[in-house]
Amino acid sequence: ADSEEKKATRRKGIAFIREHGAQAFLKTATPNLFAPATREENMALVEKQIAGLGRFTPDALVACYEAMIKRPDRTHILKQSRVPVLFIIGKWDQAVSPEDSLKQSYLPGISYIHQLENSGHMGMLEEPGTVARILDEFLRGI
């Protein structure tokens, strides 16, 4: 579940979306999902992601943010897990801090933890080969 601070940030996002529209919000918010080095060295990747989100309407984005604000705490599911759980953590993630991810990674009985050194929240785009290798090894191992 979102912390009260995260809920407040999402509410500010909703207000921004309602005032400025979906595209302005996505153009502002999406770069923060990437590591600083990606933004500096591969802005084309960031811009491609923004362009791919172009069909989002303001109502859809607001609904998405409202759903995230309302989602309940489900850490009990991780605590009760009887299957291995894979955590791929971006070192530069601003959406879900690496510290919070590490805390959650200790909840399941069996966890596999990998930190991507050059990624934010978008590791699957920033380090696709590494992510594919991690997923392959995890799936073959279980």
C-alpha atoms as a PDB file:
ATOM      1  CA  ALA A   1       0.000   0.000   0.000  1.00  0.00           C
ATOM      2  CA  ASP A   2       1.055   3.583  -0.537  1.00  0.00           C
ATOM      3  CA  SER A   3       2.372   5.543   2.413  1.00  0.00           C
ATOM      4  CA  GLU A   4       0.553   8.754   3.289  1.00  0.00           C
ATOM      5  CA  GLU A   5       3.391  10.678   1.652  1.00  0.00           C
ATOM      6  CA  LYS A   6       3.043   8.654  -1.569  1.00  0.00           C
ATOM      7  CA  LYS A   7      -0.737   9.162  -1.547  1.00  0.00           C
ATOM      8  CA  ALA A   8      -0.211  12.918  -1.272  1.00  0.00           C
ATOM      9  CA  THR A   9       2.193  12.805  -4.214  1.00  0.00           C
ATOM     10  CA  ARG A  10      -0.339  10.850  -6.270  1.00  0.00           C
ATOM     11  CA  ARG A  11      -3.063  13.375  -5.403  1.00  0.00           C
ATOM     12  CA  LYS A  12      -0.786  16.154  -6.667  1.00  0.00           C
ATOM     13  CA  GLY A  13      -0.323  14.116  -9.833  1.00  0.00           C
ATOM     14  CA  ILE A  14      -4.088  13.823 -10.244  1.00  0.00           C
ATOM     15  CA  ALA A  15      -4.462  17.589  -9.875  1.00  0.00           C
ATOM     16  CA  PHE A  16      -1.715  18.120 -12.463  1.00  0.00           C
ATOM     17  CA  ILE A  17      -3.393  15.702 -14.890  1.00  0.00           C
ATOM     18  CA  ARG A  18      -6.742  17.431 -14.500  1.00  0.00           C
ATOM     19  CA  GLU A  19      -5.193  20.857 -15.054  1.00  0.00           C
ATOM     20  CA  HIS A  20      -2.636  20.109 -17.777  1.00  0.00           C
ATOM     21  CA  GLY A  21      -3.724  16.819 -19.384  1.00  0.00           C
ATOM     22  CA  ALA A  22      -2.330  13.338 -19.722  1.00  0.00           C
ATOM     23  CA  GLN A  23       0.485  14.082 -22.172  1.00  0.00           C
ATOM     24  CA  ALA A  24       1.908  16.927 -20.104  1.00  0.00           C
ATOM     25  CA  PHE A  25       1.864  14.699 -17.038  1.00  0.00           C
ATOM     26  CA  LEU A  26       3.511  11.764 -18.821  1.00  0.00           C
ATOM     27  CA  LYS A  27       6.157  14.021 -20.309  1.00  0.00           C
ATOM     28  CA  THR A  28       6.954  15.329 -16.831  1.00  0.00           C
ATOM     29  CA  ALA A  29       6.665  12.120 -14.795  1.00  0.00           C
ATOM     30  CA  THR A  30       7.997   9.376 -17.080  1.00  0.00           C
ATOM     31  CA  PRO A  31      11.655  10.478 -17.148  1.00  0.00           C
ATOM     32  CA  ASN A  32      11.780  10.030 -13.360  1.00  0.00           C
ATOM     33  CA  LEU A  33      11.169   6.308 -13.856  1.00  0.00           C
ATOM     34  CA  PHE A  34      14.598   6.006 -15.488  1.00  0.00           C
ATOM     35  CA  ALA A  35      18.069   6.181 -13.970  1.00  0.00           C
ATOM     36  CA  PRO A  36      19.845   9.550 -14.241  1.00  0.00           C
ATOM     37  CA  ALA A  37      22.458   8.054 -16.591  1.00  0.00           C
ATOM     38  CA  THR A  38      19.733   6.766 -18.918  1.00  0.00           C
ATOM     39  CA  ARG A  39      18.145  10.205 -19.052  1.00  0.00           C
ATOM     40  CA  GLU A  40      21.515  11.747 -19.890  1.00  0.00           C
ATOM     41  CA  GLU A  41      22.859   9.139 -22.305  1.00  0.00           C
ATOM     42  CA  ASN A  42      19.740   7.605 -23.860  1.00  0.00           C
ATOM     43  CA  MET A  43      16.961  10.184 -23.841  1.00  0.00           C
ATOM     44  CA  ALA A  44      15.660   8.543 -27.027  1.00  0.00           C
ATOM     45  CA  LEU A  45      14.642   5.520 -24.933  1.00  0.00           C
ATOM     46  CA  VAL A  46      12.777   7.766 -22.497  1.00  0.00           C
ATOM     47  CA  GLU A  47      11.084   9.660 -25.334  1.00  0.00           C
ATOM     48  CA  LYS A  48      10.088   6.374 -26.995  1.00  0.00           C
ATOM     49  CA  GLN A  49       8.418   5.295 -23.752  1.00  0.00           C
ATOM     50  CA  ILE A  50       6.576   8.615 -23.477  1.00  0.00           C
ATOM     51  CA  ALA A  51       5.419   8.342 -27.108  1.00  0.00           C
ATOM     52  CA  GLY A  52       4.159   4.814 -26.444  1.00  0.00           C
ATOM     53  CA  LEU A  53       1.929   6.141 -23.677  1.00  0.00           C
ATOM     54  CA  GLY A  54       0.264   8.677 -25.953  1.00  0.00           C
ATOM     55  CA  ARG A  55      -3.126   6.979 -25.971  1.00  0.00           C
ATOM     56  CA  PHE A  56      -3.689   7.439 -22.250  1.00  0.00           C
ATOM     57  CA  THR A  57      -6.563   9.765 -21.511  1.00  0.00           C
ATOM     58  CA  PRO A  58      -6.662  12.007 -18.446  1.00  0.00           C
ATOM     59  CA  ASP A  59      -9.554   9.942 -17.046  1.00  0.00           C
ATOM     60  CA  ALA A  60      -7.567   6.710 -17.442  1.00  0.00           C
ATOM     61  CA  LEU A  61      -4.513   8.131 -15.688  1.00  0.00           C
ATOM     62  CA  VAL A  62      -6.603   9.570 -12.868  1.00  0.00           C
ATOM     63  CA  ALA A  63      -8.346   6.194 -12.440  1.00  0.00           C
ATOM     64  CA  CYS A  64      -4.966   4.470 -12.333  1.00  0.00           C
ATOM     65  CA  TYR A  65      -3.652   6.825  -9.672  1.00  0.00           C
ATOM     66  CA  GLU A  66      -6.855   6.576  -7.622  1.00  0.00           C
ATOM     67  CA  ALA A  67      -6.625   2.779  -7.720  1.00  0.00           C
ATOM     68  CA  MET A  68      -3.033   2.918  -6.478  1.00  0.00           C
ATOM     69  CA  ILE A  69      -4.052   5.251  -3.644  1.00  0.00           C
ATOM     70  CA  LYS A  70      -6.798   2.830  -2.566  1.00  0.00           C
ATOM     71  CA  ARG A  71      -4.886  -0.445  -2.862  1.00  0.00           C
ATOM     72  CA  PRO A  72      -4.600  -2.315   0.423  1.00  0.00           C
ATOM     73  CA  ASP A  73      -1.434  -3.570   2.057  1.00  0.00           C
ATOM     74  CA  ARG A  74      -0.741  -7.033   0.689  1.00  0.00           C
ATOM     75  CA  THR A  75       2.552  -7.805   2.382  1.00  0.00           C
ATOM     76  CA  HIS A  76       0.838 -10.740   4.081  1.00  0.00           C
ATOM     77  CA  ILE A  77       0.823 -12.462   0.676  1.00  0.00           C
ATOM     78  CA  LEU A  78       4.607 -12.249   0.528  1.00  0.00           C
ATOM     79  CA  LYS A  79       4.870 -13.504   4.116  1.00  0.00           C
ATOM     80  CA  GLN A  80       2.662 -16.503   3.308  1.00  0.00           C
ATOM     81  CA  SER A  81       4.309 -17.338  -0.012  1.00  0.00           C
ATOM     82  CA  ARG A  82       5.295 -20.967  -0.392  1.00  0.00           C
ATOM     83  CA  VAL A  83       6.897 -20.386  -3.778  1.00  0.00           C
ATOM     84  CA  PRO A  84      10.130 -18.570  -4.627  1.00  0.00           C
ATOM     85  CA  VAL A  85       9.724 -14.844  -5.263  1.00  0.00           C
ATOM     86  CA  LEU A  86      12.020 -12.898  -7.580  1.00  0.00           C
ATOM     87  CA  PHE A  87      12.904  -9.284  -6.804  1.00  0.00           C
ATOM     88  CA  ILE A  88      14.622  -7.236  -9.500  1.00  0.00           C
ATOM     89  CA  ILE A  89      15.512  -3.896  -7.985  1.00  0.00           C
ATOM     90  CA  GLY A  90      16.708  -0.830  -9.837  1.00  0.00           C
ATOM     91  CA  LYS A  91      19.486   0.918  -7.910  1.00  0.00           C
ATOM     92  CA  TRP A  92      18.145   4.307  -9.067  1.00  0.00           C
ATOM     93  CA  ASP A  93      14.420   3.553  -8.665  1.00  0.00           C
ATOM     94  CA  GLN A  94      12.493   6.597  -7.456  1.00  0.00           C
ATOM     95  CA  ALA A  95       9.053   4.969  -7.738  1.00  0.00           C
ATOM     96  CA  VAL A  96       9.790   2.090  -5.348  1.00  0.00           C
ATOM     97  CA  SER A  97      12.901   2.794  -3.335  1.00  0.00           C
ATOM     98  CA  PRO A  98      15.527   0.064  -3.291  1.00  0.00           C
ATOM     99  CA  GLU A  99      15.347   0.173   0.509  1.00  0.00           C
ATOM    100  CA  ASP A 100      11.602  -0.595   0.457  1.00  0.00           C
ATOM    101  CA  SER A 101      12.143  -3.376  -2.081  1.00  0.00           C
ATOM    102  CA  LEU A 102      14.851  -4.928   0.084  1.00  0.00           C
ATOM    103  CA  LYS A 103      12.576  -4.824   3.129  1.00  0.00           C
ATOM    104  CA  GLN A 104       9.883  -6.671   1.173  1.00  0.00           C
ATOM    105  CA  SER A 105      12.370  -9.178  -0.210  1.00  0.00           C
ATOM    106  CA  TYR A 106      12.854 -10.592   3.275  1.00  0.00           C
ATOM    107  CA  LEU A 107       9.163 -11.402   3.727  1.00  0.00           C
ATOM    108  CA  PRO A 108       8.842 -14.578   1.607  1.00  0.00           C
ATOM    109  CA  GLY A 109      10.397 -17.824   2.748  1.00  0.00           C
ATOM    110  CA  ILE A 110      12.458 -18.030  -0.444  1.00  0.00           C
ATOM    111  CA  SER A 111      13.587 -14.884  -2.250  1.00  0.00           C
ATOM    112  CA  TYR A 112      15.915 -14.265  -5.141  1.00  0.00           C
ATOM    113  CA  ILE A 113      17.212 -10.703  -5.139  1.00  0.00           C
ATOM    114  CA  HIS A 114      18.983  -8.904  -7.968  1.00  0.00           C
ATOM    115  CA  GLN A 115      19.930  -5.254  -8.118  1.00  0.00           C
ATOM    116  CA  LEU A 116      20.310  -3.585 -11.490  1.00  0.00           C
ATOM    117  CA  GLU A 117      23.179  -1.122 -11.168  1.00  0.00           C
ATOM    118  CA  ASN A 118      22.200   1.054 -14.138  1.00  0.00           C
ATOM    119  CA  SER A 119      18.403   1.192 -13.849  1.00  0.00           C
ATOM    120  CA  GLY A 120      15.614   3.048 -12.187  1.00  0.00           C
ATOM    121  CA  HIS A 121      12.054   1.671 -12.227  1.00  0.00           C
ATOM    122  CA  MET A 122      12.325   0.675 -15.893  1.00  0.00           C
ATOM    123  CA  GLY A 123      15.004  -1.996 -15.711  1.00  0.00           C
ATOM    124  CA  MET A 124      13.253  -4.080 -18.353  1.00  0.00           C
ATOM    125  CA  LEU A 125      13.969  -1.243 -20.801  1.00  0.00           C
ATOM    126  CA  GLU A 126      17.239   0.067 -19.379  1.00  0.00           C
ATOM    127  CA  GLU A 127      18.975  -3.310 -18.999  1.00  0.00           C
ATOM    128  CA  PRO A 128      16.855  -5.727 -21.055  1.00  0.00           C
ATOM    129  CA  GLY A 129      19.587  -8.324 -21.558  1.00  0.00           C
ATOM    130  CA  THR A 130      20.379  -8.483 -17.865  1.00  0.00           C
ATOM    131  CA  VAL A 131      16.696  -8.703 -16.930  1.00  0.00           C
ATOM    132  CA  ALA A 132      16.133 -11.478 -19.501  1.00  0.00           C
ATOM    133  CA  ARG A 133      19.100 -13.413 -18.115  1.00  0.00           C
ATOM    134  CA  ILE A 134      17.860 -13.002 -14.525  1.00  0.00           C
ATOM    135  CA  LEU A 135      14.363 -14.160 -15.487  1.00  0.00           C
ATOM    136  CA  ASP A 136      15.734 -17.109 -17.449  1.00  0.00           C
ATOM    137  CA  GLU A 137      17.951 -18.234 -14.562  1.00  0.00           C
ATOM    138  CA  PHE A 138      15.110 -17.828 -12.072  1.00  0.00           C
ATOM    139  CA  LEU A 139      12.609 -19.787 -14.164  1.00  0.00           C
ATOM    140  CA  ARG A 140      15.105 -22.557 -14.941  1.00  0.00           C
ATOM    141  CA  GLY A 141      16.053 -22.750 -11.264  1.00  0.00           C
ATOM    142  CA  ILE A 142      12.566 -23.171  -9.920  1.00  0.00           C
END
